[in-house]
């Protein structure tokens, strides 16, 4: 090895800010899901003592991961705060799984959704990452989000706020930006983007991503952009629609192709207001 290149690598390693290895974060996250959902567990827990032991082990793993970036006292505080939220987090994830099962005729059971659906895995990763993000933890939630992104193709920033009974169907290509606000009973199909109109660095602290109110459906390929863009409750957004302005409640928006002499022409933008 060239000595100059060797020194370059050494300088990079010695000057790098301390952070946990992705494998450590992944181990904690996978272990957490296996504790919360027996359907995902490699080994089923058979006693209350076994559950308690696994709980304590995972607390230790998270605490160790957090200590790469925080003082021991802060890491312990954040660990306890996170684990206090787990009963509610599991309840919300079960509601998400139920929403997916209800929304997909191909789903045969709740266990199937939990074991095999990429949408559920992505939502689970987000809810875990968001709980840490809300406690001002930063790098680790991004790493958990990237685990889900790599496995499922769903890219949800940990800062996004997502309501209950959330359903991601298929999921590949879904992108949800950091300042997105999503209400309850929302269903999102593959390829949906909730993005920003501006990518300027000076806008980082502003709300750049849209708001999706309760009971909306966003079909495949829909792109919704802008922090001031609100999709009113009960609305249906059709596939491949591009939206940069707010939509009233109970609207249906889609493109309708014109057919002339057997050839599809440019599509019309169609808005049906107050149509369920």
C-alpha atoms as a PDB file:
ATOM      1  CA  UNK A   1       0.000   0.000   0.000  1.00  0.00           C
ATOM      2  CA  UNK A   2       1.253   3.464  -0.867  1.00  0.00           C
ATOM      3  CA  UNK A   3       2.365   5.220   2.342  1.00  0.00           C
ATOM      4  CA  UNK A   4       0.656   8.480   1.394  1.00  0.00           C
ATOM      5  CA  UNK A   5      -2.643   6.717   0.745  1.00  0.00           C
ATOM      6  CA  UNK A   6      -2.245   4.728   3.976  1.00  0.00           C
ATOM      7  CA  UNK A   7      -1.792   8.001   5.887  1.00  0.00           C
ATOM      8  CA  UNK A   8      -4.852   9.449   4.177  1.00  0.00           C
ATOM      9  CA  UNK A   9      -6.954   6.521   5.361  1.00  0.00           C
ATOM     10  CA  UNK A  10      -5.525   6.740   8.866  1.00  0.00           C
ATOM     11  CA  UNK A  11      -6.296  10.462   9.052  1.00  0.00           C
ATOM     12  CA  UNK A  12      -9.852   9.769   7.916  1.00  0.00           C
ATOM     13  CA  UNK A  13     -10.384   7.134  10.603  1.00  0.00           C
ATOM     14  CA  UNK A  14      -8.797   9.107  13.431  1.00  0.00           C
ATOM     15  CA  UNK A  15     -10.637  12.336  12.600  1.00  0.00           C
ATOM     16  CA  UNK A  16     -14.053  10.750  12.050  1.00  0.00           C
ATOM     17  CA  UNK A  17     -16.704  11.788  14.567  1.00  0.00           C
ATOM     18  CA  UNK A  18     -17.756   8.960  16.837  1.00  0.00           C
ATOM     19  CA  UNK A  19     -20.876   7.133  15.750  1.00  0.00           C
ATOM     20  CA  UNK A  20     -22.197   3.592  16.116  1.00  0.00           C
ATOM     21  CA  UNK A  21     -21.632   1.044  13.375  1.00  0.00           C
ATOM     22  CA  UNK A  22     -24.693   0.469  11.158  1.00  0.00           C
ATOM     23  CA  UNK A  23     -24.561  -3.206  12.153  1.00  0.00           C
ATOM     24  CA  UNK A  24     -25.015  -2.290  15.850  1.00  0.00           C
ATOM     25  CA  UNK A  25     -28.035  -0.134  15.080  1.00  0.00           C
ATOM     26  CA  UNK A  26     -29.438  -2.851  12.834  1.00  0.00           C
ATOM     27  CA  UNK A  27     -28.985  -5.476  15.528  1.00  0.00           C
ATOM     28  CA  UNK A  28     -30.880  -3.361  18.037  1.00  0.00           C
ATOM     29  CA  UNK A  29     -33.716  -2.582  15.617  1.00  0.00           C
ATOM     30  CA  UNK A  30     -34.157  -6.186  14.445  1.00  0.00           C
ATOM     31  CA  UNK A  31     -34.068  -7.396  18.049  1.00  0.00           C
ATOM     32  CA  UNK A  32     -36.662  -4.839  19.047  1.00  0.00           C
ATOM     33  CA  UNK A  33     -39.068  -5.956  16.308  1.00  0.00           C
ATOM     34  CA  UNK A  34     -38.574  -9.570  17.341  1.00  0.00           C
ATOM     35  CA  UNK A  35     -39.489  -8.671  20.921  1.00  0.00           C
ATOM     36  CA  UNK A  36     -42.546  -6.636  19.931  1.00  0.00           C
ATOM     37  CA  UNK A  37     -43.900  -9.173  17.420  1.00  0.00           C
ATOM     38  CA  UNK A  38     -43.592 -12.914  17.920  1.00  0.00           C
ATOM     39  CA  UNK A  39     -44.287 -13.368  14.191  1.00  0.00           C
ATOM     40  CA  UNK A  40     -40.815 -11.935  13.526  1.00  0.00           C
ATOM     41  CA  UNK A  41     -38.953 -13.652  16.356  1.00  0.00           C
ATOM     42  CA  UNK A  42     -36.238 -16.164  15.601  1.00  0.00           C
ATOM     43  CA  UNK A  43     -36.769 -17.573  19.097  1.00  0.00           C
ATOM     44  CA  UNK A  44     -40.130 -17.433  20.847  1.00  0.00           C
ATOM     45  CA  UNK A  45     -40.010 -16.225  24.446  1.00  0.00           C
ATOM     46  CA  UNK A  46     -41.598 -18.743  26.790  1.00  0.00           C
ATOM     47  CA  UNK A  47     -41.662 -17.029  30.189  1.00  0.00           C
ATOM     48  CA  UNK A  48     -42.086 -13.626  31.799  1.00  0.00           C
ATOM     49  CA  UNK A  49     -38.471 -13.851  32.921  1.00  0.00           C
ATOM     50  CA  UNK A  50     -37.355 -14.357  29.324  1.00  0.00           C
ATOM     51  CA  UNK A  51     -39.344 -11.308  28.220  1.00  0.00           C
ATOM     52  CA  UNK A  52     -37.796  -9.226  31.003  1.00  0.00           C
ATOM     53  CA  UNK A  53     -34.291 -10.425  30.154  1.00  0.00           C
ATOM     54  CA  UNK A  54     -34.756  -9.526  26.485  1.00  0.00           C
ATOM     55  CA  UNK A  55     -36.140  -6.118  27.476  1.00  0.00           C
ATOM     56  CA  UNK A  56     -33.091  -5.401  29.629  1.00  0.00           C
ATOM     57  CA  UNK A  57     -30.723  -6.626  26.915  1.00  0.00           C
ATOM     58  CA  UNK A  58     -32.277  -4.303  24.330  1.00  0.00           C
ATOM     59  CA  UNK A  59     -32.123  -1.389  26.756  1.00  0.00           C
ATOM     60  CA  UNK A  60     -28.419  -2.090  27.153  1.00  0.00           C
ATOM     61  CA  UNK A  61     -27.921  -2.263  23.374  1.00  0.00           C
ATOM     62  CA  UNK A  62     -29.661   1.068  22.784  1.00  0.00           C
ATOM     63  CA  UNK A  63     -27.801   2.689  25.660  1.00  0.00           C
ATOM     64  CA  UNK A  64     -24.472   1.538  24.223  1.00  0.00           C
ATOM     65  CA  UNK A  65     -25.389   2.821  20.774  1.00  0.00           C
ATOM     66  CA  UNK A  66     -26.450   6.202  22.167  1.00  0.00           C
ATOM     67  CA  UNK A  67     -23.237   6.551  24.186  1.00  0.00           C
ATOM     68  CA  UNK A  68     -21.287   6.948  20.965  1.00  0.00           C
ATOM     69  CA  UNK A  69     -22.800  10.412  20.676  1.00  0.00           C
ATOM     70  CA  UNK A  70     -24.129  11.341  24.115  1.00  0.00           C
ATOM     71  CA  UNK A  71     -22.904  11.481  27.674  1.00  0.00           C
ATOM     72  CA  UNK A  72     -23.774   8.423  29.756  1.00  0.00           C
ATOM     73  CA  UNK A  73     -26.492  10.215  31.731  1.00  0.00           C
ATOM     74  CA  UNK A  74     -28.172  11.590  28.599  1.00  0.00           C
ATOM     75  CA  UNK A  75     -27.945   8.223  26.878  1.00  0.00           C
ATOM     76  CA  UNK A  76     -29.598   6.531  29.856  1.00  0.00           C
ATOM     77  CA  UNK A  77     -32.353   9.146  29.978  1.00  0.00           C
ATOM     78  CA  UNK A  78     -33.096   8.784  26.272  1.00  0.00           C
ATOM     79  CA  UNK A  79     -33.060   5.001  26.536  1.00  0.00           C
ATOM     80  CA  UNK A  80     -35.608   4.969  29.368  1.00  0.00           C
ATOM     81  CA  UNK A  81     -37.795   7.523  27.607  1.00  0.00           C
ATOM     82  CA  UNK A  82     -37.828   5.438  24.437  1.00  0.00           C
ATOM     83  CA  UNK A  83     -38.672   2.181  26.223  1.00  0.00           C
ATOM     84  CA  UNK A  84     -41.495   3.902  28.117  1.00  0.00           C
ATOM     85  CA  UNK A  85     -43.118   4.566  24.720  1.00  0.00           C
ATOM     86  CA  UNK A  86     -43.017   0.959  23.519  1.00  0.00           C
ATOM     87  CA  UNK A  87     -46.515  -0.103  24.700  1.00  0.00           C
ATOM     88  CA  UNK A  88     -48.108   2.738  22.710  1.00  0.00           C
ATOM     89  CA  UNK A  89     -45.752   2.222  19.774  1.00  0.00           C
ATOM     90  CA  UNK A  90     -46.671  -1.478  19.533  1.00  0.00           C
ATOM     91  CA  UNK A  91     -50.379  -0.650  19.725  1.00  0.00           C
ATOM     92  CA  UNK A  92     -50.019   1.848  16.879  1.00  0.00           C
ATOM     93  CA  UNK A  93     -48.075  -0.641  14.769  1.00  0.00           C
ATOM     94  CA  UNK A  94     -50.806  -3.247  15.254  1.00  0.00           C
ATOM     95  CA  UNK A  95     -53.307  -0.647  14.027  1.00  0.00           C
ATOM     96  CA  UNK A  96     -51.102  -0.084  10.982  1.00  0.00           C
ATOM     97  CA  UNK A  97     -50.942  -3.831  10.314  1.00  0.00           C
ATOM     98  CA  UNK A  98     -54.727  -4.037  10.619  1.00  0.00           C
ATOM     99  CA  UNK A  99     -55.113  -1.151   8.159  1.00  0.00           C
ATOM    100  CA  UNK A 100     -52.850  -2.967   5.666  1.00  0.00           C
ATOM    101  CA  UNK A 101     -54.747  -6.248   6.111  1.00  0.00           C
ATOM    102  CA  UNK A 102     -58.086  -4.499   5.692  1.00  0.00           C
ATOM    103  CA  UNK A 103     -56.908  -2.542   2.668  1.00  0.00           C
ATOM    104  CA  UNK A 104     -55.375  -5.428   0.719  1.00  0.00           C
ATOM    105  CA  UNK A 105     -57.694  -8.222  -0.496  1.00  0.00           C
ATOM    106  CA  UNK A 106     -54.618 -10.432  -0.968  1.00  0.00           C
ATOM    107  CA  UNK A 107     -53.733 -10.307   2.741  1.00  0.00           C
ATOM    108  CA  UNK A 108     -54.917 -13.489   4.429  1.00  0.00           C
ATOM    109  CA  UNK A 109     -54.014 -12.718   8.038  1.00  0.00           C
ATOM    110  CA  UNK A 110     -52.485 -10.159  10.368  1.00  0.00           C
ATOM    111  CA  UNK A 111     -49.529 -12.471  10.896  1.00  0.00           C
ATOM    112  CA  UNK A 112     -48.865 -12.528   7.161  1.00  0.00           C
ATOM    113  CA  UNK A 113     -48.789  -8.726   7.067  1.00  0.00           C
ATOM    114  CA  UNK A 114     -46.347  -8.533   9.973  1.00  0.00           C
ATOM    115  CA  UNK A 115     -44.075 -11.266   8.598  1.00  0.00           C
ATOM    116  CA  UNK A 116     -43.977 -10.421   4.907  1.00  0.00           C
ATOM    117  CA  UNK A 117     -45.303  -6.977   3.965  1.00  0.00           C
ATOM    118  CA  UNK A 118     -42.628  -4.393   3.157  1.00  0.00           C
ATOM    119  CA  UNK A 119     -45.076  -1.606   3.973  1.00  0.00           C
ATOM    120  CA  UNK A 120     -45.403  -2.814   7.541  1.00  0.00           C
ATOM    121  CA  UNK A 121     -41.623  -3.132   7.964  1.00  0.00           C
ATOM    122  CA  UNK A 122     -41.135   0.404   6.640  1.00  0.00           C
ATOM    123  CA  UNK A 123     -43.798   1.822   8.951  1.00  0.00           C
ATOM    124  CA  UNK A 124     -42.318  -0.036  11.924  1.00  0.00           C
ATOM    125  CA  UNK A 125     -38.885   1.393  11.166  1.00  0.00           C
ATOM    126  CA  UNK A 126     -40.356   4.861  10.877  1.00  0.00           C
ATOM    127  CA  UNK A 127     -42.265   4.732  14.146  1.00  0.00           C
ATOM    128  CA  UNK A 128     -39.142   3.564  16.001  1.00  0.00           C
ATOM    129  CA  UNK A 129     -36.961   6.157  14.274  1.00  0.00           C
ATOM    130  CA  UNK A 130     -39.484   8.946  14.828  1.00  0.00           C
ATOM    131  CA  UNK A 131     -39.723   8.197  18.557  1.00  0.00           C
ATOM    132  CA  UNK A 132     -35.946   8.646  18.828  1.00  0.00           C
ATOM    133  CA  UNK A 133     -35.993  11.703  16.549  1.00  0.00           C
ATOM    134  CA  UNK A 134     -38.586  13.356  18.800  1.00  0.00           C
ATOM    135  CA  UNK A 135     -36.103  12.959  21.681  1.00  0.00           C
ATOM    136  CA  UNK A 136     -33.544  14.971  19.691  1.00  0.00           C
ATOM    137  CA  UNK A 137     -31.543  11.885  18.665  1.00  0.00           C
ATOM    138  CA  UNK A 138     -30.384  12.392  15.086  1.00  0.00           C
ATOM    139  CA  UNK A 139     -27.931  10.045  13.344  1.00  0.00           C
ATOM    140  CA  UNK A 140     -29.347   6.788  14.724  1.00  0.00           C
ATOM    141  CA  UNK A 141     -32.916   7.393  13.466  1.00  0.00           C
ATOM    142  CA  UNK A 142     -31.501   8.141  10.006  1.00  0.00           C
ATOM    143  CA  UNK A 143     -29.655   4.829  10.120  1.00  0.00           C
ATOM    144  CA  UNK A 144     -32.853   2.961  11.055  1.00  0.00           C
ATOM    145  CA  UNK A 145     -34.699   4.714   8.217  1.00  0.00           C
ATOM    146  CA  UNK A 146     -31.976   3.613   5.810  1.00  0.00           C
ATOM    147  CA  UNK A 147     -32.313  -0.004   6.955  1.00  0.00           C
ATOM    148  CA  UNK A 148     -35.962   0.130   5.869  1.00  0.00           C
ATOM    149  CA  UNK A 149     -35.081   2.019   2.687  1.00  0.00           C
ATOM    150  CA  UNK A 150     -32.519  -0.604   1.694  1.00  0.00           C
ATOM    151  CA  UNK A 151     -34.846  -3.524   2.400  1.00  0.00           C
ATOM    152  CA  UNK A 152     -38.144  -2.146   1.087  1.00  0.00           C
ATOM    153  CA  UNK A 153     -37.454   0.785  -1.232  1.00  0.00           C
ATOM    154  CA  UNK A 154     -39.526   3.010   1.074  1.00  0.00           C
ATOM    155  CA  UNK A 155     -37.710   6.192   2.128  1.00  0.00           C
ATOM    156  CA  UNK A 156     -39.359   7.957   5.085  1.00  0.00           C
ATOM    157  CA  UNK A 157     -37.466  10.674   6.897  1.00  0.00           C
ATOM    158  CA  UNK A 158     -37.617  10.131  10.685  1.00  0.00           C
ATOM    159  CA  UNK A 159     -38.897  13.684  11.149  1.00  0.00           C
ATOM    160  CA  UNK A 160     -42.130  13.038   9.238  1.00  0.00           C
ATOM    161  CA  UNK A 161     -45.239  12.967  11.443  1.00  0.00           C
ATOM    162  CA  UNK A 162     -47.613  10.112  10.585  1.00  0.00           C
ATOM    163  CA  UNK A 163     -50.991   9.430  12.167  1.00  0.00           C
ATOM    164  CA  UNK A 164     -52.662   6.159  13.127  1.00  0.00           C
ATOM    165  CA  UNK A 165     -53.899   3.324  10.881  1.00  0.00           C
ATOM    166  CA  UNK A 166     -51.318   4.136   8.195  1.00  0.00           C
ATOM    167  CA  UNK A 167     -51.170   1.826   5.185  1.00  0.00           C
ATOM    168  CA  UNK A 168     -48.385   1.554   2.619  1.00  0.00           C
ATOM    169  CA  UNK A 169     -49.385  -0.860  -0.154  1.00  0.00           C
ATOM    170  CA  UNK A 170     -46.490  -2.454  -2.106  1.00  0.00           C
ATOM    171  CA  UNK A 171     -44.300   0.473  -1.133  1.00  0.00           C
ATOM    172  CA  UNK A 172     -41.375   0.474  -3.563  1.00  0.00           C
ATOM    173  CA  UNK A 173     -40.358   4.021  -4.449  1.00  0.00           C
ATOM    174  CA  UNK A 174     -42.368   5.787  -1.734  1.00  0.00           C
ATOM    175  CA  UNK A 175     -40.604   8.956  -0.521  1.00  0.00           C
ATOM    176  CA  UNK A 176     -41.893  10.953   2.468  1.00  0.00           C
ATOM    177  CA  UNK A 177     -39.980  14.099   3.383  1.00  0.00           C
ATOM    178  CA  UNK A 178     -38.935  15.331   6.810  1.00  0.00           C
ATOM    179  CA  UNK A 179     -41.652  17.927   7.414  1.00  0.00           C
ATOM    180  CA  UNK A 180     -44.548  15.920   5.979  1.00  0.00           C
ATOM    181  CA  UNK A 181     -47.678  15.725   8.125  1.00  0.00           C
ATOM    182  CA  UNK A 182     -49.927  12.718   7.531  1.00  0.00           C
ATOM    183  CA  UNK A 183     -53.248  12.215   9.289  1.00  0.00           C
ATOM    184  CA  UNK A 184     -55.118   9.069  10.336  1.00  0.00           C
ATOM    185  CA  UNK A 185     -56.391   6.327   8.015  1.00  0.00           C
ATOM    186  CA  UNK A 186     -54.214   7.360   5.066  1.00  0.00           C
ATOM    187  CA  UNK A 187     -53.329   4.833   2.354  1.00  0.00           C
ATOM    188  CA  UNK A 188     -50.276   5.277   0.128  1.00  0.00           C
ATOM    189  CA  UNK A 189     -49.354   3.177  -2.913  1.00  0.00           C
ATOM    190  CA  UNK A 190     -45.972   2.574  -4.519  1.00  0.00           C
ATOM    191  CA  UNK A 191     -44.052   5.434  -6.087  1.00  0.00           C
ATOM    192  CA  UNK A 192     -45.765   8.217  -4.125  1.00  0.00           C
ATOM    193  CA  UNK A 193     -43.589  11.248  -3.341  1.00  0.00           C
ATOM    194  CA  UNK A 194     -44.320  13.788  -0.612  1.00  0.00           C
ATOM    195  CA  UNK A 195     -41.573  16.228  -1.433  1.00  0.00           C
ATOM    196  CA  UNK A 196     -40.387  19.822  -1.337  1.00  0.00           C
ATOM    197  CA  UNK A 197     -40.723  22.523  -3.964  1.00  0.00           C
ATOM    198  CA  UNK A 198     -37.457  24.041  -2.812  1.00  0.00           C
ATOM    199  CA  UNK A 199     -34.248  22.238  -1.946  1.00  0.00           C
ATOM    200  CA  UNK A 200     -32.334  25.317  -0.836  1.00  0.00           C
ATOM    201  CA  UNK A 201     -30.254  24.806   2.295  1.00  0.00           C
ATOM    202  CA  UNK A 202     -31.575  28.028   3.834  1.00  0.00           C
ATOM    203  CA  UNK A 203     -35.080  26.502   3.839  1.00  0.00           C
ATOM    204  CA  UNK A 204     -34.010  23.584   6.035  1.00  0.00           C
ATOM    205  CA  UNK A 205     -35.863  24.859   9.113  1.00  0.00           C
ATOM    206  CA  UNK A 206     -39.102  25.584   7.217  1.00  0.00           C
ATOM    207  CA  UNK A 207     -42.034  23.269   6.511  1.00  0.00           C
ATOM    208  CA  UNK A 208     -41.134  22.114   3.012  1.00  0.00           C
ATOM    209  CA  UNK A 209     -43.323  19.034   2.575  1.00  0.00           C
ATOM    210  CA  UNK A 210     -47.093  18.633   2.227  1.00  0.00           C
ATOM    211  CA  UNK A 211     -49.865  17.876   4.692  1.00  0.00           C
ATOM    212  CA  UNK A 212     -52.141  14.891   4.007  1.00  0.00           C
ATOM    213  CA  UNK A 213     -55.314  14.989   6.078  1.00  0.00           C
ATOM    214  CA  UNK A 214     -57.338  12.037   7.399  1.00  0.00           C
ATOM    215  CA  UNK A 215     -58.818   9.303   5.197  1.00  0.00           C
ATOM    216  CA  UNK A 216     -56.911  10.161   2.010  1.00  0.00           C
ATOM    217  CA  UNK A 217     -55.749   7.693  -0.645  1.00  0.00           C
ATOM    218  CA  UNK A 218     -52.668   8.463  -2.754  1.00  0.00           C
ATOM    219  CA  UNK A 219     -52.392   6.164  -5.758  1.00  0.00           C
ATOM    220  CA  UNK A 220     -49.231   4.937  -7.451  1.00  0.00           C
ATOM    221  CA  UNK A 221     -46.813   7.533  -8.752  1.00  0.00           C
ATOM    222  CA  UNK A 222     -48.584  10.579  -7.310  1.00  0.00           C
ATOM    223  CA  UNK A 223     -46.214  13.470  -6.596  1.00  0.00           C
ATOM    224  CA  UNK A 224     -47.294  16.074  -4.034  1.00  0.00           C
ATOM    225  CA  UNK A 225     -44.920  18.944  -3.340  1.00  0.00           C
ATOM    226  CA  UNK A 226     -44.645  21.982  -1.080  1.00  0.00           C
ATOM    227  CA  UNK A 227     -44.965  22.863   2.575  1.00  0.00           C
ATOM    228  CA  UNK A 228     -48.139  24.868   2.011  1.00  0.00           C
ATOM    229  CA  UNK A 229     -49.818  22.107   0.007  1.00  0.00           C
ATOM    230  CA  UNK A 230     -52.687  20.458   1.898  1.00  0.00           C
ATOM    231  CA  UNK A 231     -54.641  17.470   0.616  1.00  0.00           C
ATOM    232  CA  UNK A 232     -58.033  17.825   2.257  1.00  0.00           C
ATOM    233  CA  UNK A 233     -59.501  14.955   4.239  1.00  0.00           C
ATOM    234  CA  UNK A 234     -61.253  12.197   2.366  1.00  0.00           C
ATOM    235  CA  UNK A 235     -59.571  13.042  -0.941  1.00  0.00           C
ATOM    236  CA  UNK A 236     -58.411  10.540  -3.551  1.00  0.00           C
ATOM    237  CA  UNK A 237     -55.329  11.390  -5.586  1.00  0.00           C
ATOM    238  CA  UNK A 238     -54.993   9.341  -8.763  1.00  0.00           C
ATOM    239  CA  UNK A 239     -51.899   7.739 -10.186  1.00  0.00           C
ATOM    240  CA  UNK A 240     -49.113   9.897 -11.650  1.00  0.00           C
ATOM    241  CA  UNK A 241     -50.788  13.178 -10.669  1.00  0.00           C
ATOM    242  CA  UNK A 242     -48.439  16.104  -9.967  1.00  0.00           C
ATOM    243  CA  UNK A 243     -49.758  18.498  -7.298  1.00  0.00           C
ATOM    244  CA  UNK A 244     -48.227  21.718  -5.976  1.00  0.00           C
ATOM    245  CA  UNK A 245     -51.401  23.423  -4.688  1.00  0.00           C
ATOM    246  CA  UNK A 246     -53.871  22.521  -1.968  1.00  0.00           C
ATOM    247  CA  UNK A 247     -56.832  20.291  -2.697  1.00  0.00           C
ATOM    248  CA  UNK A 248     -60.243  20.706  -0.973  1.00  0.00           C
ATOM    249  CA  UNK A 249     -61.657  17.993   1.251  1.00  0.00           C
ATOM    250  CA  UNK A 250     -63.423  15.061  -0.417  1.00  0.00           C
ATOM    251  CA  UNK A 251     -61.882  15.739  -3.812  1.00  0.00           C
ATOM    252  CA  UNK A 252     -60.910  13.251  -6.482  1.00  0.00           C
ATOM    253  CA  UNK A 253     -58.014  14.197  -8.754  1.00  0.00           C
ATOM    254  CA  UNK A 254     -56.697  12.223 -11.697  1.00  0.00           C
ATOM    255  CA  UNK A 255     -55.519  12.467 -15.299  1.00  0.00           C
ATOM    256  CA  UNK A 256     -57.887  11.451 -18.070  1.00  0.00           C
ATOM    257  CA  UNK A 257     -56.301  10.569 -21.406  1.00  0.00           C
ATOM    258  CA  UNK A 258     -57.930  11.722 -24.652  1.00  0.00           C
ATOM    259  CA  UNK A 259     -58.245   9.040 -27.300  1.00  0.00           C
ATOM    260  CA  UNK A 260     -58.272  10.081 -30.979  1.00  0.00           C
ATOM    261  CA  UNK A 261     -58.115   7.555 -33.836  1.00  0.00           C
ATOM    262  CA  UNK A 262     -56.979   4.883 -31.444  1.00  0.00           C
ATOM    263  CA  UNK A 263     -54.050   6.939 -30.143  1.00  0.00           C
ATOM    264  CA  UNK A 264     -53.759   8.329 -26.625  1.00  0.00           C
ATOM    265  CA  UNK A 265     -53.201  12.097 -26.619  1.00  0.00           C
ATOM    266  CA  UNK A 266     -52.217  14.526 -23.881  1.00  0.00           C
ATOM    267  CA  UNK A 267     -54.073  13.864 -20.654  1.00  0.00           C
ATOM    268  CA  UNK A 268     -56.559  16.258 -19.084  1.00  0.00           C
ATOM    269  CA  UNK A 269     -56.267  17.228 -15.407  1.00  0.00           C
ATOM    270  CA  UNK A 270     -59.631  16.473 -13.804  1.00  0.00           C
ATOM    271  CA  UNK A 271     -60.882  17.619 -10.397  1.00  0.00           C
ATOM    272  CA  UNK A 272     -64.131  16.304  -8.974  1.00  0.00           C
ATOM    273  CA  UNK A 273     -64.854  18.226  -5.776  1.00  0.00           C
ATOM    274  CA  UNK A 274     -66.989  16.756  -2.994  1.00  0.00           C
ATOM    275  CA  UNK A 275     -67.118  13.388  -4.677  1.00  0.00           C
ATOM    276  CA  UNK A 276     -66.396  10.409  -2.457  1.00  0.00           C
END
